[in-house]
PDB file of N, CA and C in Angstrom:
ATOM      1  N   UNK A   1       1.114  -1.189   0.052  1.00  0.00           N
ATOM      2  CA  UNK A   1       0.140   0.045   0.018  1.00  0.00           C
ATOM      3  C   UNK A   1       0.952   1.267  -0.006  1.00  0.00           C
ATOM      4  N   UNK A   2       0.497   2.242  -0.760  1.00  0.00           N
ATOM      5  CA  UNK A   2       1.293   3.422  -0.926  1.00  0.00           C
ATOM      6  C   UNK A   2       1.052   4.544   0.172  1.00  0.00           C
ATOM      7  N   UNK A   3       1.933   5.285   0.262  1.00  0.00           N
ATOM      8  CA  UNK A   3       1.637   6.662   1.257  1.00  0.00           C
ATOM      9  C   UNK A   3       0.997   7.552   0.426  1.00  0.00           C
ATOM     10  N   UNK A   4      -0.259   8.046   0.778  1.00  0.00           N
ATOM     11  CA  UNK A   4      -0.932   8.822  -0.217  1.00  0.00           C
ATOM     12  C   UNK A   4      -0.910  10.267   0.373  1.00  0.00           C
ATOM     13  N   UNK A   5      -0.525  11.346  -0.358  1.00  0.00           N
ATOM     14  CA  UNK A   5      -0.277  12.537   0.001  1.00  0.00           C
ATOM     15  C   UNK A   5      -1.083  13.514  -0.979  1.00  0.00           C
ATOM     16  N   UNK A   6      -1.851  14.405  -0.482  1.00  0.00           N
ATOM     17  CA  UNK A   6      -2.323  15.584  -1.062  1.00  0.00           C
ATOM     18  C   UNK A   6      -1.510  16.839  -1.012  1.00  0.00           C
ATOM     19  N   UNK A   7      -1.369  17.494  -1.905  1.00  0.00           N
ATOM     20  CA  UNK A   7      -0.679  18.728  -1.818  1.00  0.00           C
ATOM     21  C   UNK A   7      -1.564  19.904  -2.426  1.00  0.00           C
ATOM     22  N   UNK A   8      -1.809  20.849  -1.819  1.00  0.00           N
ATOM     23  CA  UNK A   8      -2.874  22.040  -2.127  1.00  0.00           C
ATOM     24  C   UNK A   8      -2.201  23.314  -2.248  1.00  0.00           C
ATOM     25  N   UNK A   9      -2.254  24.116  -3.460  1.00  0.00           N
ATOM     26  CA  UNK A   9      -1.582  25.323  -3.580  1.00  0.00           C
ATOM     27  C   UNK A   9      -2.739  26.433  -3.886  1.00  0.00           C
ATOM     28  N   UNK A  10      -2.436  27.453  -3.491  1.00  0.00           N
ATOM     29  CA  UNK A  10      -3.253  28.562  -3.932  1.00  0.00           C
ATOM     30  C   UNK A  10      -3.113  29.076  -5.092  1.00  0.00           C
ATOM     31  N   UNK A  11      -4.092  29.494  -6.077  1.00  0.00           N
ATOM     32  CA  UNK A  11      -3.737  30.307  -7.214  1.00  0.00           C
ATOM     33  C   UNK A  11      -4.954  30.892  -7.566  1.00  0.00           C
ATOM     34  N   UNK A  12      -4.682  32.357  -7.969  1.00  0.00           N
ATOM     35  CA  UNK A  12      -6.154  32.983  -8.098  1.00  0.00           C
ATOM     36  C   UNK A  12      -6.907  32.350  -9.410  1.00  0.00           C
ATOM     37  N   UNK A  13      -6.194  31.759 -10.318  1.00  0.00           N
ATOM     38  CA  UNK A  13      -7.016  31.474 -11.440  1.00  0.00           C
ATOM     39  C   UNK A  13      -7.238  29.982 -11.311  1.00  0.00           C
ATOM     40  N   UNK A  14      -7.375  29.065 -10.260  1.00  0.00           N
ATOM     41  CA  UNK A  14      -7.561  27.878 -10.167  1.00  0.00           C
ATOM     42  C   UNK A  14      -8.991  27.392 -10.419  1.00  0.00           C
ATOM     43  N   UNK A  15      -8.975  26.176 -11.141  1.00  0.00           N
ATOM     44  CA  UNK A  15     -10.261  25.467 -11.458  1.00  0.00           C
ATOM     45  C   UNK A  15     -10.011  24.072 -10.895  1.00  0.00           C
ATOM     46  N   UNK A  16     -10.357  23.816  -9.626  1.00  0.00           N
ATOM     47  CA  UNK A  16      -9.533  22.368  -9.365  1.00  0.00           C
ATOM     48  C   UNK A  16     -10.216  21.008  -9.769  1.00  0.00           C
ATOM     49  N   UNK A  17     -11.046  21.212 -10.456  1.00  0.00           N
ATOM     50  CA  UNK A  17     -11.590  20.241 -11.438  1.00  0.00           C
ATOM     51  C   UNK A  17     -10.627  19.949 -12.569  1.00  0.00           C
ATOM     52  N   UNK A  18     -10.023  20.886 -12.932  1.00  0.00           N
ATOM     53  CA  UNK A  18      -9.063  21.050 -14.221  1.00  0.00           C
ATOM     54  C   UNK A  18      -7.542  20.940 -13.752  1.00  0.00           C
ATOM     55  N   UNK A  19      -7.257  21.632 -12.963  1.00  0.00           N
ATOM     56  CA  UNK A  19      -5.913  21.833 -12.312  1.00  0.00           C
ATOM     57  C   UNK A  19      -5.503  20.976 -11.362  1.00  0.00           C
ATOM     58  N   UNK A  20      -5.319  19.728 -11.651  1.00  0.00           N
ATOM     59  CA  UNK A  20      -4.979  18.621 -10.624  1.00  0.00           C
ATOM     60  C   UNK A  20      -4.154  17.757 -11.372  1.00  0.00           C
ATOM     61  N   UNK A  21      -3.310  16.922 -10.502  1.00  0.00           N
ATOM     62  CA  UNK A  21      -2.622  15.786 -11.328  1.00  0.00           C
ATOM     63  C   UNK A  21      -2.165  14.906 -10.035  1.00  0.00           C
ATOM     64  N   UNK A  22      -1.710  13.568 -10.462  1.00  0.00           N
ATOM     65  CA  UNK A  22      -1.310  12.558  -9.416  1.00  0.00           C
ATOM     66  C   UNK A  22      -0.055  11.953 -10.161  1.00  0.00           C
ATOM     67  N   UNK A  23       0.786  11.644  -9.252  1.00  0.00           N
ATOM     68  CA  UNK A  23       2.275  11.001  -9.788  1.00  0.00           C
ATOM     69  C   UNK A  23       2.337   9.900  -8.823  1.00  0.00           C
ATOM     70  N   UNK A  24       2.808   8.724  -9.131  1.00  0.00           N
ATOM     71  CA  UNK A  24       2.975   7.694  -8.174  1.00  0.00           C
ATOM     72  C   UNK A  24       4.138   6.635  -8.339  1.00  0.00           C
ATOM     73  N   UNK A  25       4.689   6.157  -7.352  1.00  0.00           N
ATOM     74  CA  UNK A  25       5.427   4.957  -7.502  1.00  0.00           C
ATOM     75  C   UNK A  25       4.747   3.967  -6.730  1.00  0.00           C
ATOM     76  N   UNK A  26       5.464   2.967  -6.383  1.00  0.00           N
ATOM     77  CA  UNK A  26       4.785   1.917  -5.877  1.00  0.00           C
ATOM     78  C   UNK A  26       4.773   2.051  -4.420  1.00  0.00           C
ATOM     79  N   UNK A  27       5.438   2.984  -3.885  1.00  0.00           N
ATOM     80  CA  UNK A  27       5.285   3.193  -2.412  1.00  0.00           C
ATOM     81  C   UNK A  27       4.885   4.866  -2.048  1.00  0.00           C
ATOM     82  N   UNK A  28       4.499   5.505  -2.969  1.00  0.00           N
ATOM     83  CA  UNK A  28       4.097   6.902  -2.764  1.00  0.00           C
ATOM     84  C   UNK A  28       3.034   7.278  -3.734  1.00  0.00           C
ATOM     85  N   UNK A  29       2.151   7.942  -3.525  1.00  0.00           N
ATOM     86  CA  UNK A  29       1.014   8.295  -4.454  1.00  0.00           C
ATOM     87  C   UNK A  29       0.764   9.893  -4.035  1.00  0.00           C
ATOM     88  N   UNK A  30       1.141  11.024  -4.749  1.00  0.00           N
ATOM     89  CA  UNK A  30       1.041  12.290  -4.809  1.00  0.00           C
ATOM     90  C   UNK A  30      -0.043  13.028  -5.452  1.00  0.00           C
ATOM     91  N   UNK A  31      -1.102  13.575  -4.968  1.00  0.00           N
ATOM     92  CA  UNK A  31      -2.023  14.152  -5.556  1.00  0.00           C
ATOM     93  C   UNK A  31      -1.641  15.767  -5.372  1.00  0.00           C
ATOM     94  N   UNK A  32      -2.005  16.497  -6.700  1.00  0.00           N
ATOM     95  CA  UNK A  32      -1.646  17.872  -6.692  1.00  0.00           C
ATOM     96  C   UNK A  32      -2.970  18.734  -6.864  1.00  0.00           C
ATOM     97  N   UNK A  33      -3.526  19.454  -6.327  1.00  0.00           N
ATOM     98  CA  UNK A  33      -4.754  20.316  -6.503  1.00  0.00           C
ATOM     99  C   UNK A  33      -4.464  21.909  -6.256  1.00  0.00           C
ATOM    100  N   UNK A  34      -4.864  22.455  -7.248  1.00  0.00           N
ATOM    101  CA  UNK A  34      -4.964  24.110  -7.121  1.00  0.00           C
ATOM    102  C   UNK A  34      -6.098  24.581  -6.784  1.00  0.00           C
ATOM    103  N   UNK A  35      -6.386  25.482  -5.823  1.00  0.00           N
ATOM    104  CA  UNK A  35      -7.576  26.058  -5.299  1.00  0.00           C
ATOM    105  C   UNK A  35      -7.313  27.493  -5.305  1.00  0.00           C
ATOM    106  N   UNK A  36      -8.581  28.128  -5.520  1.00  0.00           N
ATOM    107  CA  UNK A  36      -8.566  29.606  -5.371  1.00  0.00           C
ATOM    108  C   UNK A  36      -9.045  30.159  -4.188  1.00  0.00           C
ATOM    109  N   UNK A  37      -9.506  29.589  -3.077  1.00  0.00           N
ATOM    110  CA  UNK A  37     -10.281  29.803  -2.106  1.00  0.00           C
ATOM    111  C   UNK A  37     -10.432  28.783  -0.993  1.00  0.00           C
ATOM    112  N   UNK A  38     -10.699  29.265   0.069  1.00  0.00           N
ATOM    113  CA  UNK A  38     -10.834  28.044   1.096  1.00  0.00           C
ATOM    114  C   UNK A  38     -11.804  27.164   1.074  1.00  0.00           C
ATOM    115  N   UNK A  39     -13.080  27.572   0.433  1.00  0.00           N
ATOM    116  CA  UNK A  39     -14.018  26.585   0.286  1.00  0.00           C
ATOM    117  C   UNK A  39     -13.762  25.500  -0.631  1.00  0.00           C
ATOM    118  N   UNK A  40     -12.895  26.033  -1.743  1.00  0.00           N
ATOM    119  CA  UNK A  40     -12.323  24.794  -2.585  1.00  0.00           C
ATOM    120  C   UNK A  40     -11.293  24.051  -1.929  1.00  0.00           C
ATOM    121  N   UNK A  41     -10.518  24.381  -1.137  1.00  0.00           N
ATOM    122  CA  UNK A  41      -9.479  23.759  -0.543  1.00  0.00           C
ATOM    123  C   UNK A  41     -10.298  22.676   0.330  1.00  0.00           C
ATOM    124  N   UNK A  42     -11.340  23.050   1.123  1.00  0.00           N
ATOM    125  CA  UNK A  42     -11.981  22.272   2.274  1.00  0.00           C
ATOM    126  C   UNK A  42     -12.595  21.236   1.364  1.00  0.00           C
ATOM    127  N   UNK A  43     -13.244  21.457   0.309  1.00  0.00           N
ATOM    128  CA  UNK A  43     -14.032  20.419  -0.477  1.00  0.00           C
ATOM    129  C   UNK A  43     -12.961  19.478  -1.016  1.00  0.00           C
ATOM    130  N   UNK A  44     -11.801  19.927  -1.688  1.00  0.00           N
ATOM    131  CA  UNK A  44     -10.955  18.916  -2.328  1.00  0.00           C
ATOM    132  C   UNK A  44     -10.450  17.986  -1.360  1.00  0.00           C
ATOM    133  N   UNK A  45     -10.043  18.820   0.012  1.00  0.00           N
ATOM    134  CA  UNK A  45      -9.485  17.799   1.153  1.00  0.00           C
ATOM    135  C   UNK A  45     -10.582  16.619   1.355  1.00  0.00           C
ATOM    136  N   UNK A  46     -11.836  17.108   1.800  1.00  0.00           N
ATOM    137  CA  UNK A  46     -12.996  15.962   2.172  1.00  0.00           C
ATOM    138  C   UNK A  46     -12.935  15.092   1.084  1.00  0.00           C
ATOM    139  N   UNK A  47     -13.120  15.318  -0.149  1.00  0.00           N
ATOM    140  CA  UNK A  47     -13.234  14.500  -1.647  1.00  0.00           C
ATOM    141  C   UNK A  47     -12.203  13.625  -1.463  1.00  0.00           C
ATOM    142  N   UNK A  48     -10.875  14.023  -1.486  1.00  0.00           N
ATOM    143  CA  UNK A  48      -9.904  13.074  -1.650  1.00  0.00           C
ATOM    144  C   UNK A  48      -9.600  12.347  -0.497  1.00  0.00           C
ATOM    145  N   UNK A  49      -9.974  12.747   0.798  1.00  0.00           N
ATOM    146  CA  UNK A  49      -9.557  11.716   1.998  1.00  0.00           C
ATOM    147  C   UNK A  49     -10.684  10.703   1.676  1.00  0.00           C
ATOM    148  N   UNK A  50     -11.837  11.075   1.265  1.00  0.00           N
ATOM    149  CA  UNK A  50     -12.741   9.952   1.207  1.00  0.00           C
ATOM    150  C   UNK A  50     -12.745   8.861   0.098  1.00  0.00           C
ATOM    151  N   UNK A  51     -12.216   9.730  -1.098  1.00  0.00           N
ATOM    152  CA  UNK A  51     -11.969   8.716  -2.348  1.00  0.00           C
ATOM    153  C   UNK A  51     -10.836   7.856  -2.389  1.00  0.00           C
ATOM    154  N   UNK A  52      -9.736   8.580  -1.898  1.00  0.00           N
ATOM    155  CA  UNK A  52      -8.464   8.139  -2.141  1.00  0.00           C
ATOM    156  C   UNK A  52      -7.797   7.696  -0.740  1.00  0.00           C
ATOM    157  N   UNK A  53      -8.506   7.768   0.371  1.00  0.00           N
ATOM    158  CA  UNK A  53      -7.749   7.444   1.453  1.00  0.00           C
ATOM    159  C   UNK A  53      -6.382   7.992   1.824  1.00  0.00           C
ATOM    160  N   UNK A  54      -6.516   9.543   1.676  1.00  0.00           N
ATOM    161  CA  UNK A  54      -5.159  10.295   1.818  1.00  0.00           C
ATOM    162  C   UNK A  54      -4.689  10.145   3.380  1.00  0.00           C
ATOM    163  N   UNK A  55      -3.386  10.068   3.616  1.00  0.00           N
ATOM    164  CA  UNK A  55      -2.774   9.930   4.798  1.00  0.00           C
ATOM    165  C   UNK A  55      -2.189  11.264   5.406  1.00  0.00           C
ATOM    166  N   UNK A  56      -1.885  12.321   4.315  1.00  0.00           N
ATOM    167  CA  UNK A  56      -1.199  13.252   4.799  1.00  0.00           C
ATOM    168  C   UNK A  56      -1.615  14.533   3.883  1.00  0.00           C
ATOM    169  N   UNK A  57      -1.958  15.701   4.403  1.00  0.00           N
ATOM    170  CA  UNK A  57      -2.178  16.894   3.498  1.00  0.00           C
ATOM    171  C   UNK A  57      -1.087  17.798   3.677  1.00  0.00           C
ATOM    172  N   UNK A  58      -0.619  18.241   2.547  1.00  0.00           N
ATOM    173  CA  UNK A  58       0.553  19.374   2.749  1.00  0.00           C
ATOM    174  C   UNK A  58      -0.041  20.778   2.186  1.00  0.00           C
ATOM    175  N   UNK A  59       0.016  21.819   2.752  1.00  0.00           N
ATOM    176  CA  UNK A  59      -0.632  22.959   2.300  1.00  0.00           C
ATOM    177  C   UNK A  59       0.395  24.066   1.878  1.00  0.00           C
ATOM    178  N   UNK A  60       0.211  24.888   0.919  1.00  0.00           N
ATOM    179  CA  UNK A  60       1.158  25.898   0.531  1.00  0.00           C
ATOM    180  C   UNK A  60       1.226  26.905   1.615  1.00  0.00           C
ATOM    181  N   UNK A  61       2.331  27.755   1.560  1.00  0.00           N
ATOM    182  CA  UNK A  61       2.301  28.724   2.812  1.00  0.00           C
ATOM    183  C   UNK A  61       1.330  29.785   2.900  1.00  0.00           C
ATOM    184  N   UNK A  62       0.377  29.866   1.621  1.00  0.00           N
ATOM    185  CA  UNK A  62      -0.636  30.712   1.598  1.00  0.00           C
ATOM    186  C   UNK A  62      -2.052  30.541   2.985  1.00  0.00           C
ATOM    187  N   UNK A  63      -1.933  29.196   3.215  1.00  0.00           N
ATOM    188  CA  UNK A  63      -3.039  29.009   4.285  1.00  0.00           C
ATOM    189  C   UNK A  63      -2.690  29.538   5.581  1.00  0.00           C
ATOM    190  N   UNK A  64      -3.818  30.036   6.053  1.00  0.00           N
ATOM    191  CA  UNK A  64      -3.442  30.717   7.406  1.00  0.00           C
ATOM    192  C   UNK A  64      -3.855  29.750   8.459  1.00  0.00           C
ATOM    193  N   UNK A  65      -3.558  29.971   9.909  1.00  0.00           N
ATOM    194  CA  UNK A  65      -3.718  29.383  10.717  1.00  0.00           C
ATOM    195  C   UNK A  65      -5.346  28.572  10.990  1.00  0.00           C
ATOM    196  N   UNK A  66      -6.017  29.636  10.558  1.00  0.00           N
ATOM    197  CA  UNK A  66      -7.473  29.504  10.914  1.00  0.00           C
ATOM    198  C   UNK A  66      -7.810  28.350   9.767  1.00  0.00           C
ATOM    199  N   UNK A  67      -7.358  28.605   8.461  1.00  0.00           N
ATOM    200  CA  UNK A  67      -7.586  27.924   7.148  1.00  0.00           C
ATOM    201  C   UNK A  67      -7.113  26.513   7.585  1.00  0.00           C
ATOM    202  N   UNK A  68      -6.013  26.259   8.286  1.00  0.00           N
ATOM    203  CA  UNK A  68      -5.397  24.882   8.667  1.00  0.00           C
ATOM    204  C   UNK A  68      -6.347  24.399   9.599  1.00  0.00           C
ATOM    205  N   UNK A  69      -6.751  24.976  10.642  1.00  0.00           N
ATOM    206  CA  UNK A  69      -7.742  24.414  11.395  1.00  0.00           C
ATOM    207  C   UNK A  69      -8.985  23.946  10.941  1.00  0.00           C
ATOM    208  N   UNK A  70      -9.337  24.578  10.129  1.00  0.00           N
ATOM    209  CA  UNK A  70     -10.500  24.285   9.378  1.00  0.00           C
ATOM    210  C   UNK A  70     -10.716  23.218   8.487  1.00  0.00           C
ATOM    211  N   UNK A  71      -9.333  22.856   7.874  1.00  0.00           N
ATOM    212  CA  UNK A  71      -9.067  21.690   7.408  1.00  0.00           C
ATOM    213  C   UNK A  71      -9.008  20.429   8.140  1.00  0.00           C
ATOM    214  N   UNK A  72      -8.085  20.625   9.294  1.00  0.00           N
ATOM    215  CA  UNK A  72      -8.140  19.540  10.093  1.00  0.00           C
ATOM    216  C   UNK A  72      -9.502  19.220  10.659  1.00  0.00           C
ATOM    217  N   UNK A  73     -10.278  19.923  10.988  1.00  0.00           N
ATOM    218  CA  UNK A  73     -11.659  19.765  11.451  1.00  0.00           C
ATOM    219  C   UNK A  73     -12.437  18.984  10.371  1.00  0.00           C
ATOM    220  N   UNK A  74     -12.336  19.129   9.256  1.00  0.00           N
ATOM    221  CA  UNK A  74     -13.099  18.658   8.114  1.00  0.00           C
ATOM    222  C   UNK A  74     -12.480  17.307   7.646  1.00  0.00           C
ATOM    223  N   UNK A  75     -11.142  17.128   7.881  1.00  0.00           N
ATOM    224  CA  UNK A  75     -10.687  15.718   7.513  1.00  0.00           C
ATOM    225  C   UNK A  75     -10.657  14.675   8.489  1.00  0.00           C
ATOM    226  N   UNK A  76     -10.752  15.205   9.860  1.00  0.00           N
ATOM    227  CA  UNK A  76     -10.338  14.313  11.013  1.00  0.00           C
ATOM    228  C   UNK A  76      -9.291  14.086  11.600  1.00  0.00           C
ATOM    229  N   UNK A  77      -9.128  13.609  12.849  1.00  0.00           N
ATOM    230  CA  UNK A  77      -7.879  13.245  13.438  1.00  0.00           C
ATOM    231  C   UNK A  77      -6.729  12.160  12.800  1.00  0.00           C
ATOM    232  N   UNK A  78      -7.266  11.357  11.736  1.00  0.00           N
ATOM    233  CA  UNK A  78      -6.481  10.385  11.276  1.00  0.00           C
ATOM    234  C   UNK A  78      -5.715  10.957   9.871  1.00  0.00           C
ATOM    235  N   UNK A  79      -5.778  12.093   9.667  1.00  0.00           N
ATOM    236  CA  UNK A  79      -5.047  12.730   8.420  1.00  0.00           C
ATOM    237  C   UNK A  79      -4.014  13.564   8.949  1.00  0.00           C
ATOM    238  N   UNK A  80      -2.851  13.509   8.676  1.00  0.00           N
ATOM    239  CA  UNK A  80      -1.722  14.601   9.106  1.00  0.00           C
ATOM    240  C   UNK A  80      -2.013  15.847   8.222  1.00  0.00           C
ATOM    241  N   UNK A  81      -1.956  17.003   8.941  1.00  0.00           N
ATOM    242  CA  UNK A  81      -2.021  18.144   8.071  1.00  0.00           C
ATOM    243  C   UNK A  81      -0.689  19.065   8.324  1.00  0.00           C
ATOM    244  N   UNK A  82      -0.015  19.396   7.472  1.00  0.00           N
ATOM    245  CA  UNK A  82       1.257  20.188   7.358  1.00  0.00           C
ATOM    246  C   UNK A  82       1.186  21.485   6.683  1.00  0.00           C
ATOM    247  N   UNK A  83       2.322  22.272   6.979  1.00  0.00           N
ATOM    248  CA  UNK A  83       2.022  23.533   6.024  1.00  0.00           C
ATOM    249  C   UNK A  83       3.326  23.951   5.516  1.00  0.00           C
ATOM    250  N   UNK A  84       3.669  24.222   4.405  1.00  0.00           N
ATOM    251  CA  UNK A  84       5.045  24.395   3.831  1.00  0.00           C
ATOM    252  C   UNK A  84       5.439  25.941   3.938  1.00  0.00           C
ATOM    253  N   UNK A  85       6.294  26.013   5.086  1.00  0.00           N
ATOM    254  CA  UNK A  85       6.730  27.610   5.042  1.00  0.00           C
ATOM    255  C   UNK A  85       8.010  27.741   4.720  1.00  0.00           C
ATOM    256  N   UNK A  86       8.392  29.030   4.207  1.00  0.00           N
ATOM    257  CA  UNK A  86       9.567  29.413   3.871  1.00  0.00           C
ATOM    258  C   UNK A  86      10.216  30.221   4.885  1.00  0.00           C
ATOM    259  N   UNK A  87      11.714  30.815   4.548  1.00  0.00           N
ATOM    260  CA  UNK A  87      12.224  31.696   5.703  1.00  0.00           C
ATOM    261  C   UNK A  87      11.950  33.073   5.064  1.00  0.00           C
ATOM    262  N   UNK A  88      12.217  34.199   5.665  1.00  0.00           N
ATOM    263  CA  UNK A  88      12.070  35.517   5.146  1.00  0.00           C
ATOM    264  C   UNK A  88      12.553  35.623   3.735  1.00  0.00           C
ATOM    265  N   UNK A  89      13.766  35.369   3.687  1.00  0.00           N
ATOM    266  CA  UNK A  89      14.358  35.733   2.258  1.00  0.00           C
ATOM    267  C   UNK A  89      13.552  34.848   1.117  1.00  0.00           C
ATOM    268  N   UNK A  90      13.210  33.852   1.238  1.00  0.00           N
ATOM    269  CA  UNK A  90      12.366  32.956   0.373  1.00  0.00           C
ATOM    270  C   UNK A  90      10.917  33.451   0.318  1.00  0.00           C
ATOM    271  N   UNK A  91      10.410  33.868   1.393  1.00  0.00           N
ATOM    272  CA  UNK A  91       9.079  34.353   1.145  1.00  0.00           C
ATOM    273  C   UNK A  91       8.929  35.600   0.368  1.00  0.00           C
ATOM    274  N   UNK A  92      10.009  36.512   0.477  1.00  0.00           N
ATOM    275  CA  UNK A  92      10.248  37.949  -0.176  1.00  0.00           C
ATOM    276  C   UNK A  92      10.212  37.520  -1.542  1.00  0.00           C
ATOM    277  N   UNK A  93      11.081  36.595  -1.992  1.00  0.00           N
ATOM    278  CA  UNK A  93      11.295  36.161  -3.374  1.00  0.00           C
ATOM    279  C   UNK A  93       9.895  35.853  -4.083  1.00  0.00           C
ATOM    280  N   UNK A  94       9.073  34.858  -3.338  1.00  0.00           N
ATOM    281  CA  UNK A  94       8.171  34.556  -4.031  1.00  0.00           C
ATOM    282  C   UNK A  94       6.966  35.303  -4.067  1.00  0.00           C
ATOM    283  N   UNK A  95       6.902  36.408  -3.018  1.00  0.00           N
ATOM    284  CA  UNK A  95       5.897  37.279  -3.132  1.00  0.00           C
ATOM    285  C   UNK A  95       6.243  38.299  -4.203  1.00  0.00           C
ATOM    286  N   UNK A  96       7.407  38.785  -4.371  1.00  0.00           N
ATOM    287  CA  UNK A  96       7.588  39.481  -5.571  1.00  0.00           C
ATOM    288  C   UNK A  96       7.187  39.018  -7.038  1.00  0.00           C
ATOM    289  N   UNK A  97       7.777  37.668  -7.268  1.00  0.00           N
ATOM    290  CA  UNK A  97       6.991  36.922  -8.439  1.00  0.00           C
ATOM    291  C   UNK A  97       5.529  36.989  -8.654  1.00  0.00           C
ATOM    292  N   UNK A  98       4.781  36.537  -7.408  1.00  0.00           N
ATOM    293  CA  UNK A  98       3.558  36.684  -7.542  1.00  0.00           C
ATOM    294  C   UNK A  98       2.836  38.061  -7.497  1.00  0.00           C
ATOM    295  N   UNK A  99       3.375  38.986  -7.110  1.00  0.00           N
ATOM    296  CA  UNK A  99       2.826  40.422  -7.253  1.00  0.00           C
ATOM    297  C   UNK A  99       2.959  40.834  -8.752  1.00  0.00           C
ATOM    298  N   UNK A 100       4.163  40.439  -9.359  1.00  0.00           N
ATOM    299  CA  UNK A 100       4.584  40.674 -10.682  1.00  0.00           C
ATOM    300  C   UNK A 100       3.549  40.036 -11.686  1.00  0.00           C
ATOM    301  N   UNK A 101       3.219  38.847 -11.344  1.00  0.00           N
ATOM    302  CA  UNK A 101       2.318  37.953 -12.105  1.00  0.00           C
ATOM    303  C   UNK A 101       0.997  38.261 -11.989  1.00  0.00           C
ATOM    304  N   UNK A 102       0.622  39.492 -11.091  1.00  0.00           N
ATOM    305  CA  UNK A 102      -0.756  39.709 -11.052  1.00  0.00           C
ATOM    306  C   UNK A 102      -1.794  39.130  -9.999  1.00  0.00           C
ATOM    307  N   UNK A 103      -0.921  38.225  -9.103  1.00  0.00           N
ATOM    308  CA  UNK A 103      -1.863  37.375  -8.143  1.00  0.00           C
ATOM    309  C   UNK A 103      -2.676  38.336  -7.381  1.00  0.00           C
ATOM    310  N   UNK A 104      -2.592  39.415  -6.770  1.00  0.00           N
ATOM    311  CA  UNK A 104      -3.303  40.155  -5.854  1.00  0.00           C
ATOM    312  C   UNK A 104      -4.180  41.176  -6.561  1.00  0.00           C
ATOM    313  N   UNK A 105      -3.922  41.495  -7.669  1.00  0.00           N
ATOM    314  CA  UNK A 105      -4.997  42.391  -8.472  1.00  0.00           C
ATOM    315  C   UNK A 105      -6.265  41.875  -8.704  1.00  0.00           C
ATOM    316  N   UNK A 106      -6.429  40.410  -8.526  1.00  0.00           N
ATOM    317  CA  UNK A 106      -7.601  39.987  -8.558  1.00  0.00           C
ATOM    318  C   UNK A 106      -8.390  39.774  -7.257  1.00  0.00           C
ATOM    319  N   UNK A 107      -7.907  40.184  -6.166  1.00  0.00           N
ATOM    320  CA  UNK A 107      -8.182  39.835  -4.725  1.00  0.00           C
ATOM    321  C   UNK A 107      -9.715  40.126  -4.754  1.00  0.00           C
ATOM    322  N   UNK A 108     -10.481  39.424  -4.139  1.00  0.00           N
ATOM    323  CA  UNK A 108     -11.901  39.665  -3.925  1.00  0.00           C
ATOM    324  C   UNK A 108     -12.777  39.275  -5.111  1.00  0.00           C
ATOM    325  N   UNK A 109     -12.246  38.964  -6.159  1.00  0.00           N
ATOM    326  CA  UNK A 109     -12.958  38.682  -7.505  1.00  0.00           C
ATOM    327  C   UNK A 109     -12.991  37.173  -7.473  1.00  0.00           C
ATOM    328  N   UNK A 110     -14.165  36.615  -7.485  1.00  0.00           N
ATOM    329  CA  UNK A 110     -14.314  35.106  -7.547  1.00  0.00           C
ATOM    330  C   UNK A 110     -15.665  34.690  -8.454  1.00  0.00           C
TER     331      UNK A 110
END
């Protein structure tokens, strides 16, 4: 049986039904889903935990502590939930790229 992980990342133009993939070996199965908001994140987590028996969820740095708590509540205590966080310089680099690419100009539009 493979270790099954879901990685969720925020992007303003995400369509979770379209922007997803799965990579697997005999021992590891990684699901990747892009979401644009917390509602989509929670729904994707619940769906994949139920359908694919996910063991662990890894969230991009854009998830707040409240977002993480809501996902933990939605999937239950038998699924590990972690957040990928960078250090100060790494966060500044990624923030500048996202600003340049217009990630924040669409804020509030869904």
